[in-house]
Amino acid sequence: MAPATTNNNNKPVTKSGPVPFKEVDDGSVPDHTPKEEFGELVAALPRKQQSILELRLYQGFWLPEHWVPGTIVFQRRFAPRPDDVILASYPKCGTTWLKALAFAVMARDAHPPAHPDHPLRRLNPHDCIPFIDEIFAGGEDAKLDLLPSPRLMNTHLPFTLLPDPVTNNGGTCRVVYVCRDPKDMAVSLWHFLRRRHPDLPFADTFESVCDGTVPVGPVWDHVLSYWRASQANQDRVLFLKYEDLLRDPAGNVRWLAAFMGRPFLADEEAAVQDVVELCSFEKMKGLEVNKAGTSGAYKAMPRDAFFRKGVAGDWANHMSPEMAARLDGVVREKLQGTGLAFS
């Protein structure tokens, strides 16, 4: 565990992590914005409007424009702690579920998953684990120092855009990545975007996924960045599939816990099942905290938008066989020879 840190009022933070970010963010760290610092650089990048977001092509990926300055700051200034765990995902690929599972696993000593006052019963998973992309975009990165170790953080950035201290072989922090069948991802992304843009045609989102000009895309490059990293360093990068989590949640929870350095002991089988139940789609969707309010700083979204169906194969209700075959073909071609496949 890292030594206690202090906040701007010189008050020590002595709790053992992880703790809910919302409960540590006491407002003592003033916000600032890196937007002006890198304004000229961002303005010179290729631009594309995609649904509700303006995208810029930065180091090979289409990032929401407001993320780019924060990404630069993240790359240059982030100082990982040895026991940090970064949860990574492409949008709409199981991010909320992974956050809930990781928090419940890592915090189970202080917060037994069966306890009626568990943080995940009163806070949205996005309130428990900070979203690095929004934190740095809003100039709130100093707030990460308030978190006791081990810290849990989340990002949608590809592995190649993470800071060197995270990606180089000399680093010690861990990265967990979850991916999903791109067809289900495309459908889930469309439904999510429609909460802000109700008239958005599915065809628009589908075409953006196919040609790579989708937020944080191309999708295949994003997935491959973590796949290759996991193959090169399995001790530091864990690669999960959403569909595998659905098929065997308990087995994957044990695997996740061991990777994060908090393995379940032989007498903790009940705790494994309690984590699975607490973080199940049905349980999370039914909680009052996940039915009202919003999450997200820049484009705040209703919390219930993060809990739609939680299944695999829903793409069949939205795509024609020809559309599905086209997207499968694109992805298959891009993944050829890598050892990774979705279908």
Foldseek 3Di string as FASTA:
>chain_A
DDDWDAAPVRDTQHDADDFFLLVLPPVRQDWDAQCVVCVVVLVPFDWDDAQPFIWGQDPRWTAGSLLVSLLVCQQVPDDADLLEEEEEEAPPFCPQLVLLLVRCLVCCVVAQLVDPVHVLLQARSCRRAPESSQCSSRRNVSSQSSGHPPHYHYYHAAPVSGHPLQQDPPGRYAYEYEGEDVLSSLVLVVLLSCQVVVPDDSVSSLVCQLVFVDHRTVPLVRLVSLLVSCVVPVLHYHYHYLVVCVVDVLVVSQVVCVSSPRHDDPPCSVSSVSSCVCSPLVNSLPRPNQQADWDDDPPTGRSNSSRDPSDPDCSVVPDDPVSVVSSQVSSCVSCPPVPDHDD
